[in-house]
Amino acid sequence: MKELLGDVERWRQNGQRVVLARVVGVLGSGPREPGAAMAVSESGEVTGSVSGGCVEGAVVTEALEVIETGEAKLCTFGYSDDDAFAVGLTCGGTVQIFLERLEP
């Protein structure tokens, strides 16, 4: 989380709204443990990681929606073992990510 603070502060000083996305649950295998975080600015800049790349794009899309609505949300992303293997992952799993807009 600390590695995100510099970018988040810079974005906020530039007047941008920011969403913080945090891993809050993992079922089965997951690339990142609960507590992993990433931040997304309203211009689409990203710092940190919640999945090592597997679902980052989808999280950015959800984050931009949260920036607009201001409504926090819990998102679940996952693959079955068969689906994971088909896209080049070694195993399936589900990750739950909580997204919330940071307020001043």
PDB file of N, CA and C in Angstrom:
ATOM      1  N   MET A   1       0.823  -1.201   0.000  1.00  0.00           N
ATOM      2  CA  MET A   1       0.000   0.000   0.000  1.00  0.00           C
ATOM      3  C   MET A   1       0.867   1.265   0.000  1.00  0.00           C
ATOM      4  N   LYS A   2       1.956   1.262   0.747  1.00  0.00           N
ATOM      5  CA  LYS A   2       2.782   2.461   0.841  1.00  0.00           C
ATOM      6  C   LYS A   2       3.342   2.887  -0.507  1.00  0.00           C
ATOM      7  N   GLU A   3       3.616   1.905  -1.393  1.00  0.00           N
ATOM      8  CA  GLU A   3       4.180   2.244  -2.692  1.00  0.00           C
ATOM      9  C   GLU A   3       3.194   3.010  -3.575  1.00  0.00           C
ATOM     10  N   LEU A   4       1.913   2.989  -3.223  1.00  0.00           N
ATOM     11  CA  LEU A   4       0.900   3.704  -3.995  1.00  0.00           C
ATOM     12  C   LEU A   4       0.796   5.178  -3.612  1.00  0.00           C
ATOM     13  N   LEU A   5       1.196   5.495  -2.413  1.00  0.00           N
ATOM     14  CA  LEU A   5       0.908   6.816  -1.849  1.00  0.00           C
ATOM     15  C   LEU A   5       1.468   7.977  -2.650  1.00  0.00           C
ATOM     16  N   GLY A   6       2.679   7.851  -3.183  1.00  0.00           N
ATOM     17  CA  GLY A   6       3.269   8.943  -3.953  1.00  0.00           C
ATOM     18  C   GLY A   6       2.443   9.289  -5.179  1.00  0.00           C
ATOM     19  N   ASP A   7       2.053   8.258  -5.935  1.00  0.00           N
ATOM     20  CA  ASP A   7       1.236   8.496  -7.127  1.00  0.00           C
ATOM     21  C   ASP A   7      -0.137   9.035  -6.765  1.00  0.00           C
ATOM     22  N   VAL A   8      -0.759   8.457  -5.742  1.00  0.00           N
ATOM     23  CA  VAL A   8      -2.090   8.910  -5.324  1.00  0.00           C
ATOM     24  C   VAL A   8      -2.040  10.376  -4.907  1.00  0.00           C
ATOM     25  N   GLU A   9      -1.047  10.745  -4.139  1.00  0.00           N
ATOM     26  CA  GLU A   9      -0.941  12.133  -3.690  1.00  0.00           C
ATOM     27  C   GLU A   9      -0.724  13.075  -4.877  1.00  0.00           C
ATOM     28  N   ARG A  10       0.112  12.683  -5.825  1.00  0.00           N
ATOM     29  CA  ARG A  10       0.365  13.502  -7.011  1.00  0.00           C
ATOM     30  C   ARG A  10      -0.920  13.700  -7.819  1.00  0.00           C
ATOM     31  N   TRP A  11      -1.662  12.606  -8.020  1.00  0.00           N
ATOM     32  CA  TRP A  11      -2.917  12.713  -8.771  1.00  0.00           C
ATOM     33  C   TRP A  11      -3.893  13.649  -8.074  1.00  0.00           C
ATOM     34  N   ARG A  12      -4.000  13.484  -6.765  1.00  0.00           N
ATOM     35  CA  ARG A  12      -4.956  14.314  -6.025  1.00  0.00           C
ATOM     36  C   ARG A  12      -4.539  15.777  -6.031  1.00  0.00           C
ATOM     37  N   GLN A  13      -3.231  16.047  -5.938  1.00  0.00           N
ATOM     38  CA  GLN A  13      -2.755  17.431  -6.001  1.00  0.00           C
ATOM     39  C   GLN A  13      -3.033  18.056  -7.360  1.00  0.00           C
ATOM     40  N   ASN A  14      -3.121  17.215  -8.389  1.00  0.00           N
ATOM     41  CA  ASN A  14      -3.459  17.693  -9.734  1.00  0.00           C
ATOM     42  C   ASN A  14      -4.962  17.760  -9.962  1.00  0.00           C
ATOM     43  N   GLY A  15      -5.746  17.550  -8.916  1.00  0.00           N
ATOM     44  CA  GLY A  15      -7.192  17.688  -9.001  1.00  0.00           C
ATOM     45  C   GLY A  15      -7.932  16.471  -9.520  1.00  0.00           C
ATOM     46  N   GLN A  16      -7.245  15.342  -9.625  1.00  0.00           N
ATOM     47  CA  GLN A  16      -7.902  14.139 -10.126  1.00  0.00           C
ATOM     48  C   GLN A  16      -8.554  13.349  -8.994  1.00  0.00           C
ATOM     49  N   ARG A  17      -9.664  12.724  -9.339  1.00  0.00           N
ATOM     50  CA  ARG A  17     -10.292  11.789  -8.410  1.00  0.00           C
ATOM     51  C   ARG A  17      -9.576  10.450  -8.545  1.00  0.00           C
ATOM     52  N   VAL A  18      -9.592   9.674  -7.462  1.00  0.00           N
ATOM     53  CA  VAL A  18      -8.833   8.424  -7.414  1.00  0.00           C
ATOM     54  C   VAL A  18      -9.670   7.332  -6.772  1.00  0.00           C
ATOM     55  N   VAL A  19      -9.545   6.120  -7.303  1.00  0.00           N
ATOM     56  CA  VAL A  19     -10.171   4.947  -6.704  1.00  0.00           C
ATOM     57  C   VAL A  19      -9.083   4.020  -6.201  1.00  0.00           C
ATOM     58  N   LEU A  20      -9.312   3.490  -5.015  1.00  0.00           N
ATOM     59  CA  LEU A  20      -8.439   2.474  -4.439  1.00  0.00           C
ATOM     60  C   LEU A  20      -9.138   1.126  -4.586  1.00  0.00           C
ATOM     61  N   ALA A  21      -8.435   0.153  -5.163  1.00  0.00           N
ATOM     62  CA  ALA A  21      -8.951  -1.214  -5.328  1.00  0.00           C
ATOM     63  C   ALA A  21      -8.100  -2.125  -4.454  1.00  0.00           C
ATOM     64  N   ARG A  22      -8.757  -2.918  -3.591  1.00  0.00           N
ATOM     65  CA  ARG A  22      -8.029  -3.808  -2.685  1.00  0.00           C
ATOM     66  C   ARG A  22      -8.562  -5.221  -2.766  1.00  0.00           C
ATOM     67  N   VAL A  23      -7.647  -6.177  -2.759  1.00  0.00           N
ATOM     68  CA  VAL A  23      -8.042  -7.579  -2.682  1.00  0.00           C
ATOM     69  C   VAL A  23      -8.547  -7.824  -1.264  1.00  0.00           C
ATOM     70  N   VAL A  24      -9.798  -8.290  -1.167  1.00  0.00           N
ATOM     71  CA  VAL A  24     -10.380  -8.559   0.149  1.00  0.00           C
ATOM     72  C   VAL A  24     -10.685 -10.038   0.355  1.00  0.00           C
ATOM     73  N   GLY A  25     -10.578 -10.831  -0.703  1.00  0.00           N
ATOM     74  CA  GLY A  25     -10.827 -12.263  -0.571  1.00  0.00           C
ATOM     75  C   GLY A  25     -10.272 -13.026  -1.752  1.00  0.00           C
ATOM     76  N   VAL A  26      -9.805 -14.239  -1.481  1.00  0.00           N
ATOM     77  CA  VAL A  26      -9.311 -15.128  -2.526  1.00  0.00           C
ATOM     78  C   VAL A  26      -9.877 -16.508  -2.258  1.00  0.00           C
ATOM     79  N   LEU A  27     -10.501 -17.097  -3.268  1.00  0.00           N
ATOM     80  CA  LEU A  27     -11.014 -18.459  -3.177  1.00  0.00           C
ATOM     81  C   LEU A  27     -10.235 -19.314  -4.155  1.00  0.00           C
ATOM     82  N   GLY A  28      -9.660 -20.393  -3.689  1.00  0.00           N
ATOM     83  CA  GLY A  28      -8.811 -21.199  -4.557  1.00  0.00           C
ATOM     84  C   GLY A  28      -7.466 -20.521  -4.707  1.00  0.00           C
ATOM     85  N   SER A  29      -6.902 -20.644  -5.876  1.00  0.00           N
ATOM     86  CA  SER A  29      -5.597 -20.056  -6.153  1.00  0.00           C
ATOM     87  C   SER A  29      -5.773 -18.612  -6.596  1.00  0.00           C
ATOM     88  N   GLY A  30      -4.874 -17.761  -6.158  1.00  0.00           N
ATOM     89  CA  GLY A  30      -4.921 -16.369  -6.575  1.00  0.00           C
ATOM     90  C   GLY A  30      -3.527 -15.795  -6.645  1.00  0.00           C
ATOM     91  N   PRO A  31      -3.289 -14.881  -7.568  1.00  0.00           N
ATOM     92  CA  PRO A  31      -1.946 -14.329  -7.738  1.00  0.00           C
ATOM     93  C   PRO A  31      -1.522 -13.362  -6.640  1.00  0.00           C
ATOM     94  N   ARG A  32      -2.478 -12.749  -5.962  1.00  0.00           N
ATOM     95  CA  ARG A  32      -2.159 -11.779  -4.901  1.00  0.00           C
ATOM     96  C   ARG A  32      -3.018 -12.092  -3.691  1.00  0.00           C
ATOM     97  N   GLU A  33      -2.475 -11.853  -2.535  1.00  0.00           N
ATOM     98  CA  GLU A  33      -3.162 -12.121  -1.272  1.00  0.00           C
ATOM     99  C   GLU A  33      -4.041 -10.935  -0.879  1.00  0.00           C
ATOM    100  N   PRO A  34      -5.011 -11.172   0.029  1.00  0.00           N
ATOM    101  CA  PRO A  34      -5.796 -10.049   0.549  1.00  0.00           C
ATOM    102  C   PRO A  34      -4.874  -8.955   1.083  1.00  0.00           C
ATOM    103  N   GLY A  35      -5.256  -7.742   0.796  1.00  0.00           N
ATOM    104  CA  GLY A  35      -4.454  -6.588   1.174  1.00  0.00           C
ATOM    105  C   GLY A  35      -3.721  -5.971  -0.009  1.00  0.00           C
ATOM    106  N   ALA A  36      -3.495  -6.767  -1.068  1.00  0.00           N
ATOM    107  CA  ALA A  36      -2.858  -6.207  -2.262  1.00  0.00           C
ATOM    108  C   ALA A  36      -3.733  -5.076  -2.788  1.00  0.00           C
ATOM    109  N   ALA A  37      -3.103  -4.029  -3.298  1.00  0.00           N
ATOM    110  CA  ALA A  37      -3.878  -2.850  -3.698  1.00  0.00           C
ATOM    111  C   ALA A  37      -3.345  -2.235  -4.980  1.00  0.00           C
ATOM    112  N   MET A  38      -4.246  -1.528  -5.620  1.00  0.00           N
ATOM    113  CA  MET A  38      -3.885  -0.728  -6.780  1.00  0.00           C
ATOM    114  C   MET A  38      -4.765   0.515  -6.747  1.00  0.00           C
ATOM    115  N   ALA A  39      -4.260   1.586  -7.323  1.00  0.00           N
ATOM    116  CA  ALA A  39      -5.025   2.826  -7.403  1.00  0.00           C
ATOM    117  C   ALA A  39      -5.156   3.217  -8.865  1.00  0.00           C
ATOM    118  N   VAL A  40      -6.286   3.848  -9.186  1.00  0.00           N
ATOM    119  CA  VAL A  40      -6.579   4.274 -10.553  1.00  0.00           C
ATOM    120  C   VAL A  40      -7.023   5.735 -10.505  1.00  0.00           C
ATOM    121  N   SER A  41      -6.384   6.558 -11.339  1.00  0.00           N
ATOM    122  CA  SER A  41      -6.780   7.964 -11.417  1.00  0.00           C
ATOM    123  C   SER A  41      -7.892   8.114 -12.451  1.00  0.00           C
ATOM    124  N   GLU A  42      -8.568   9.250 -12.414  1.00  0.00           N
ATOM    125  CA  GLU A  42      -9.650   9.448 -13.373  1.00  0.00           C
ATOM    126  C   GLU A  42      -9.144   9.567 -14.804  1.00  0.00           C
ATOM    127  N   SER A  43      -7.854   9.808 -14.986  1.00  0.00           N
ATOM    128  CA  SER A  43      -7.295   9.836 -16.342  1.00  0.00           C
ATOM    129  C   SER A  43      -6.859   8.436 -16.792  1.00  0.00           C
ATOM    130  N   GLY A  44      -7.042   7.430 -15.918  1.00  0.00           N
ATOM    131  CA  GLY A  44      -6.732   6.054 -16.283  1.00  0.00           C
ATOM    132  C   GLY A  44      -5.338   5.593 -15.923  1.00  0.00           C
ATOM    133  N   GLU A  45      -4.582   6.423 -15.218  1.00  0.00           N
ATOM    134  CA  GLU A  45      -3.266   5.987 -14.756  1.00  0.00           C
ATOM    135  C   GLU A  45      -3.444   4.962 -13.642  1.00  0.00           C
ATOM    136  N   VAL A  46      -2.511   4.008 -13.568  1.00  0.00           N
ATOM    137  CA  VAL A  46      -2.605   2.923 -12.607  1.00  0.00           C
ATOM    138  C   VAL A  46      -1.284   2.777 -11.860  1.00  0.00           C
ATOM    139  N   THR A  47      -1.380   2.501 -10.571  1.00  0.00           N
ATOM    140  CA  THR A  47      -0.218   2.143  -9.774  1.00  0.00           C
ATOM    141  C   THR A  47      -0.605   0.961  -8.895  1.00  0.00           C
ATOM    142  N   GLY A  48       0.330   0.065  -8.667  1.00  0.00           N
ATOM    143  CA  GLY A  48       0.060  -1.126  -7.870  1.00  0.00           C
ATOM    144  C   GLY A  48      -0.550  -2.234  -8.708  1.00  0.00           C
ATOM    145  N   SER A  49      -0.946  -3.307  -8.022  1.00  0.00           N
ATOM    146  CA  SER A  49      -1.495  -4.474  -8.711  1.00  0.00           C
ATOM    147  C   SER A  49      -2.372  -5.280  -7.774  1.00  0.00           C
ATOM    148  N   VAL A  50      -3.486  -5.760  -8.299  1.00  0.00           N
ATOM    149  CA  VAL A  50      -4.367  -6.634  -7.516  1.00  0.00           C
ATOM    150  C   VAL A  50      -4.376  -8.065  -8.031  1.00  0.00           C
ATOM    151  N   SER A  51      -3.768  -8.276  -9.222  1.00  0.00           N
ATOM    152  CA  SER A  51      -3.830  -9.635  -9.764  1.00  0.00           C
ATOM    153  C   SER A  51      -2.604 -10.049 -10.563  1.00  0.00           C
ATOM    154  N   GLY A  52      -1.600  -9.227 -10.613  1.00  0.00           N
ATOM    155  CA  GLY A  52      -0.447  -9.572 -11.419  1.00  0.00           C
ATOM    156  C   GLY A  52      -0.725  -9.508 -12.904  1.00  0.00           C
ATOM    157  N   GLY A  53      -1.818  -8.883 -13.314  1.00  0.00           N
ATOM    158  CA  GLY A  53      -2.120  -8.699 -14.720  1.00  0.00           C
ATOM    159  C   GLY A  53      -3.363  -9.409 -15.219  1.00  0.00           C
ATOM    160  N   CYS A  54      -3.822 -10.428 -14.507  1.00  0.00           N
ATOM    161  CA  CYS A  54      -4.947 -11.241 -14.988  1.00  0.00           C
ATOM    162  C   CYS A  54      -6.235 -10.443 -15.169  1.00  0.00           C
ATOM    163  N   VAL A  55      -6.558  -9.589 -14.218  1.00  0.00           N
ATOM    164  CA  VAL A  55      -7.829  -8.855 -14.281  1.00  0.00           C
ATOM    165  C   VAL A  55      -7.650  -7.346 -14.150  1.00  0.00           C
ATOM    166  N   GLU A  56      -6.417  -6.868 -14.274  1.00  0.00           N
ATOM    167  CA  GLU A  56      -6.172  -5.436 -14.077  1.00  0.00           C
ATOM    168  C   GLU A  56      -7.041  -4.572 -14.998  1.00  0.00           C
ATOM    169  N   GLY A  57      -7.162  -4.957 -16.259  1.00  0.00           N
ATOM    170  CA  GLY A  57      -7.961  -4.168 -17.202  1.00  0.00           C
ATOM    171  C   GLY A  57      -9.411  -4.050 -16.781  1.00  0.00           C
ATOM    172  N   ALA A  58      -9.980  -5.148 -16.311  1.00  0.00           N
ATOM    173  CA  ALA A  58     -11.370  -5.130 -15.851  1.00  0.00           C
ATOM    174  C   ALA A  58     -11.506  -4.280 -14.587  1.00  0.00           C
ATOM    175  N   VAL A  59     -10.498  -4.319 -13.732  1.00  0.00           N
ATOM    176  CA  VAL A  59     -10.538  -3.514 -12.504  1.00  0.00           C
ATOM    177  C   VAL A  59     -10.469  -2.035 -12.857  1.00  0.00           C
ATOM    178  N   VAL A  60      -9.662  -1.670 -13.837  1.00  0.00           N
ATOM    179  CA  VAL A  60      -9.592  -0.267 -14.260  1.00  0.00           C
ATOM    180  C   VAL A  60     -10.959   0.189 -14.766  1.00  0.00           C
ATOM    181  N   THR A  61     -11.618  -0.634 -15.567  1.00  0.00           N
ATOM    182  CA  THR A  61     -12.957  -0.295 -16.074  1.00  0.00           C
ATOM    183  C   THR A  61     -13.926  -0.069 -14.926  1.00  0.00           C
ATOM    184  N   GLU A  62     -13.914  -0.963 -13.942  1.00  0.00           N
ATOM    185  CA  GLU A  62     -14.789  -0.819 -12.770  1.00  0.00           C
ATOM    186  C   GLU A  62     -14.415   0.427 -11.970  1.00  0.00           C
ATOM    187  N   ALA A  63     -13.117   0.686 -11.830  1.00  0.00           N
ATOM    188  CA  ALA A  63     -12.658   1.854 -11.067  1.00  0.00           C
ATOM    189  C   ALA A  63     -13.127   3.153 -11.701  1.00  0.00           C
ATOM    190  N   LEU A  64     -13.066   3.234 -13.016  1.00  0.00           N
ATOM    191  CA  LEU A  64     -13.515   4.453 -13.692  1.00  0.00           C
ATOM    192  C   LEU A  64     -15.012   4.679 -13.481  1.00  0.00           C
ATOM    193  N   GLU A  65     -15.773   3.588 -13.383  1.00  0.00           N
ATOM    194  CA  GLU A  65     -17.198   3.723 -13.064  1.00  0.00           C
ATOM    195  C   GLU A  65     -17.393   4.238 -11.641  1.00  0.00           C
ATOM    196  N   VAL A  66     -16.612   3.707 -10.711  1.00  0.00           N
ATOM    197  CA  VAL A  66     -16.698   4.153  -9.314  1.00  0.00           C
ATOM    198  C   VAL A  66     -16.300   5.625  -9.203  1.00  0.00           C
ATOM    199  N   ILE A  67     -15.322   6.049  -9.988  1.00  0.00           N
ATOM    200  CA  ILE A  67     -14.944   7.470  -9.989  1.00  0.00           C
ATOM    201  C   ILE A  67     -16.142   8.326 -10.357  1.00  0.00           C
ATOM    202  N   GLU A  68     -16.885   7.908 -11.355  1.00  0.00           N
ATOM    203  CA  GLU A  68     -18.039   8.689 -11.816  1.00  0.00           C
ATOM    204  C   GLU A  68     -19.208   8.657 -10.834  1.00  0.00           C
ATOM    205  N   THR A  69     -19.526   7.479 -10.310  1.00  0.00           N
ATOM    206  CA  THR A  69     -20.709   7.347  -9.453  1.00  0.00           C
ATOM    207  C   THR A  69     -20.440   7.677  -7.996  1.00  0.00           C
ATOM    208  N   GLY A  70     -19.198   7.469  -7.554  1.00  0.00           N
ATOM    209  CA  GLY A  70     -18.873   7.648  -6.149  1.00  0.00           C
ATOM    210  C   GLY A  70     -19.328   6.496  -5.275  1.00  0.00           C
ATOM    211  N   GLU A  71     -19.938   5.482  -5.888  1.00  0.00           N
ATOM    212  CA  GLU A  71     -20.455   4.343  -5.130  1.00  0.00           C
ATOM    213  C   GLU A  71     -19.431   3.224  -5.088  1.00  0.00           C
ATOM    214  N   ALA A  72     -19.019   2.850  -3.874  1.00  0.00           N
ATOM    215  CA  ALA A  72     -18.085   1.740  -3.703  1.00  0.00           C
ATOM    216  C   ALA A  72     -18.739   0.455  -4.185  1.00  0.00           C
ATOM    217  N   LYS A  73     -17.913  -0.509  -4.580  1.00  0.00           N
ATOM    218  CA  LYS A  73     -18.470  -1.785  -5.022  1.00  0.00           C
ATOM    219  C   LYS A  73     -17.496  -2.917  -4.751  1.00  0.00           C
ATOM    220  N   LEU A  74     -18.067  -4.108  -4.624  1.00  0.00           N
ATOM    221  CA  LEU A  74     -17.298  -5.334  -4.480  1.00  0.00           C
ATOM    222  C   LEU A  74     -17.434  -6.107  -5.779  1.00  0.00           C
ATOM    223  N   CYS A  75     -16.308  -6.422  -6.407  1.00  0.00           N
ATOM    224  CA  CYS A  75     -16.308  -7.155  -7.680  1.00  0.00           C
ATOM    225  C   CYS A  75     -15.640  -8.505  -7.474  1.00  0.00           C
ATOM    226  N   THR A  76     -16.151  -9.496  -8.155  1.00  0.00           N
ATOM    227  CA  THR A  76     -15.583 -10.833  -8.100  1.00  0.00           C
ATOM    228  C   THR A  76     -15.139 -11.235  -9.500  1.00  0.00           C
ATOM    229  N   PHE A  77     -13.896 -11.690  -9.595  1.00  0.00           N
ATOM    230  CA  PHE A  77     -13.326 -12.132 -10.860  1.00  0.00           C
ATOM    231  C   PHE A  77     -12.770 -13.530 -10.644  1.00  0.00           C
ATOM    232  N   GLY A  78     -12.967 -14.407 -11.625  1.00  0.00           N
ATOM    233  CA  GLY A  78     -12.406 -15.734 -11.459  1.00  0.00           C
ATOM    234  C   GLY A  78     -12.456 -16.583 -12.694  1.00  0.00           C
ATOM    235  N   TYR A  79     -11.697 -17.654 -12.636  1.00  0.00           N
ATOM    236  CA  TYR A  79     -11.626 -18.655 -13.692  1.00  0.00           C
ATOM    237  C   TYR A  79     -11.749 -20.037 -13.075  1.00  0.00           C
ATOM    238  N   SER A  80     -12.443 -20.928 -13.763  1.00  0.00           N
ATOM    239  CA  SER A  80     -12.387 -22.335 -13.380  1.00  0.00           C
ATOM    240  C   SER A  80     -11.009 -22.844 -13.790  1.00  0.00           C
ATOM    241  N   ASP A  81     -10.593 -23.993 -13.276  1.00  0.00           N
ATOM    242  CA  ASP A  81      -9.302 -24.550 -13.655  1.00  0.00           C
ATOM    243  C   ASP A  81      -9.199 -24.745 -15.161  1.00  0.00           C
ATOM    244  N   ASP A  82     -10.271 -25.252 -15.796  1.00  0.00           N
ATOM    245  CA  ASP A  82     -10.251 -25.481 -17.244  1.00  0.00           C
ATOM    246  C   ASP A  82     -10.129 -24.173 -18.019  1.00  0.00           C
ATOM    247  N   ASP A  83     -10.894 -23.159 -17.615  1.00  0.00           N
ATOM    248  CA  ASP A  83     -10.828 -21.869 -18.298  1.00  0.00           C
ATOM    249  C   ASP A  83      -9.461 -21.218 -18.103  1.00  0.00           C
ATOM    250  N   ALA A  84      -8.915 -21.349 -16.903  1.00  0.00           N
ATOM    251  CA  ALA A  84      -7.603 -20.773 -16.624  1.00  0.00           C
ATOM    252  C   ALA A  84      -6.543 -21.388 -17.529  1.00  0.00           C
ATOM    253  N   PHE A  85      -6.566 -22.711 -17.642  1.00  0.00           N
ATOM    254  CA  PHE A  85      -5.593 -23.396 -18.488  1.00  0.00           C
ATOM    255  C   PHE A  85      -5.719 -22.946 -19.940  1.00  0.00           C
ATOM    256  N   ALA A  86      -6.936 -22.718 -20.386  1.00  0.00           N
ATOM    257  CA  ALA A  86      -7.180 -22.318 -21.777  1.00  0.00           C
ATOM    258  C   ALA A  86      -6.571 -20.959 -22.105  1.00  0.00           C
ATOM    259  N   VAL A  87      -6.461 -20.080 -21.119  1.00  0.00           N
ATOM    260  CA  VAL A  87      -5.875 -18.753 -21.365  1.00  0.00           C
ATOM    261  C   VAL A  87      -4.434 -18.658 -20.880  1.00  0.00           C
ATOM    262  N   GLY A  88      -3.844 -19.804 -20.530  1.00  0.00           N
ATOM    263  CA  GLY A  88      -2.429 -19.826 -20.193  1.00  0.00           C
ATOM    264  C   GLY A  88      -2.089 -19.718 -18.725  1.00  0.00           C
ATOM    265  N   LEU A  89      -3.088 -19.773 -17.852  1.00  0.00           N
ATOM    266  CA  LEU A  89      -2.818 -19.760 -16.419  1.00  0.00           C
ATOM    267  C   LEU A  89      -2.696 -21.191 -15.928  1.00  0.00           C
ATOM    268  N   THR A  90      -1.973 -21.400 -14.847  1.00  0.00           N
ATOM    269  CA  THR A  90      -1.748 -22.758 -14.369  1.00  0.00           C
ATOM    270  C   THR A  90      -2.910 -23.318 -13.568  1.00  0.00           C
ATOM    271  N   CYS A  91      -3.731 -22.455 -12.972  1.00  0.00           N
ATOM    272  CA  CYS A  91      -4.878 -22.945 -12.212  1.00  0.00           C
ATOM    273  C   CYS A  91      -5.903 -21.829 -12.051  1.00  0.00           C
ATOM    274  N   GLY A  92      -7.123 -22.225 -11.698  1.00  0.00           N
ATOM    275  CA  GLY A  92      -8.204 -21.269 -11.535  1.00  0.00           C
ATOM    276  C   GLY A  92      -8.260 -20.720 -10.125  1.00  0.00           C
ATOM    277  N   GLY A  93      -9.169 -19.818  -9.921  1.00  0.00           N
ATOM    278  CA  GLY A  93      -9.372 -19.219  -8.614  1.00  0.00           C
ATOM    279  C   GLY A  93     -10.247 -17.998  -8.759  1.00  0.00           C
ATOM    280  N   THR A  94     -10.687 -17.478  -7.637  1.00  0.00           N
ATOM    281  CA  THR A  94     -11.551 -16.310  -7.630  1.00  0.00           C
ATOM    282  C   THR A  94     -10.962 -15.274  -6.689  1.00  0.00           C
ATOM    283  N   VAL A  95     -10.981 -14.038  -7.129  1.00  0.00           N
ATOM    284  CA  VAL A  95     -10.486 -12.943  -6.311  1.00  0.00           C
ATOM    285  C   VAL A  95     -11.612 -11.923  -6.146  1.00  0.00           C
ATOM    286  N   GLN A  96     -11.782 -11.444  -4.927  1.00  0.00           N
ATOM    287  CA  GLN A  96     -12.780 -10.408  -4.636  1.00  0.00           C
ATOM    288  C   GLN A  96     -12.035  -9.103  -4.397  1.00  0.00           C
ATOM    289  N   ILE A  97     -12.496  -8.073  -5.087  1.00  0.00           N
ATOM    290  CA  ILE A  97     -11.822  -6.780  -5.024  1.00  0.00           C
ATOM    291  C   ILE A  97     -12.832  -5.708  -4.643  1.00  0.00           C
ATOM    292  N   PHE A  98     -12.485  -4.946  -3.607  1.00  0.00           N
ATOM    293  CA  PHE A  98     -13.326  -3.848  -3.148  1.00  0.00           C
ATOM    294  C   PHE A  98     -12.764  -2.555  -3.714  1.00  0.00           C
ATOM    295  N   LEU A  99     -13.632  -1.784  -4.362  1.00  0.00           N
ATOM    296  CA  LEU A  99     -13.226  -0.516  -4.970  1.00  0.00           C
ATOM    297  C   LEU A  99     -13.973   0.621  -4.298  1.00  0.00           C
ATOM    298  N   GLU A 100     -13.211   1.659  -3.928  1.00  0.00           N
ATOM    299  CA  GLU A 100     -13.839   2.840  -3.339  1.00  0.00           C
ATOM    300  C   GLU A 100     -13.099   4.096  -3.763  1.00  0.00           C
ATOM    301  N   ARG A 101     -13.885   5.143  -3.989  1.00  0.00           N
ATOM    302  CA  ARG A 101     -13.294   6.421  -4.343  1.00  0.00           C
ATOM    303  C   ARG A 101     -12.742   7.084  -3.092  1.00  0.00           C
ATOM    304  N   LEU A 102     -11.537   7.594  -3.196  1.00  0.00           N
ATOM    305  CA  LEU A 102     -10.939   8.305  -2.073  1.00  0.00           C
ATOM    306  C   LEU A 102     -11.503   9.725  -2.049  1.00  0.00           C
ATOM    307  N   GLU A 103     -11.936  10.113  -0.916  1.00  0.00           N
ATOM    308  CA  GLU A 103     -12.485  11.462  -0.750  1.00  0.00           C
ATOM    309  C   GLU A 103     -11.459  12.336  -0.056  1.00  0.00           C
ATOM    310  N   PRO A 104     -11.504  13.640  -0.316  1.00  0.00           N
ATOM    311  CA  PRO A 104     -10.535  14.559   0.338  1.00  0.00           C
ATOM    312  C   PRO A 104     -10.615  14.483   1.843  1.00  0.00           C
TER     313      PRO A 104
END
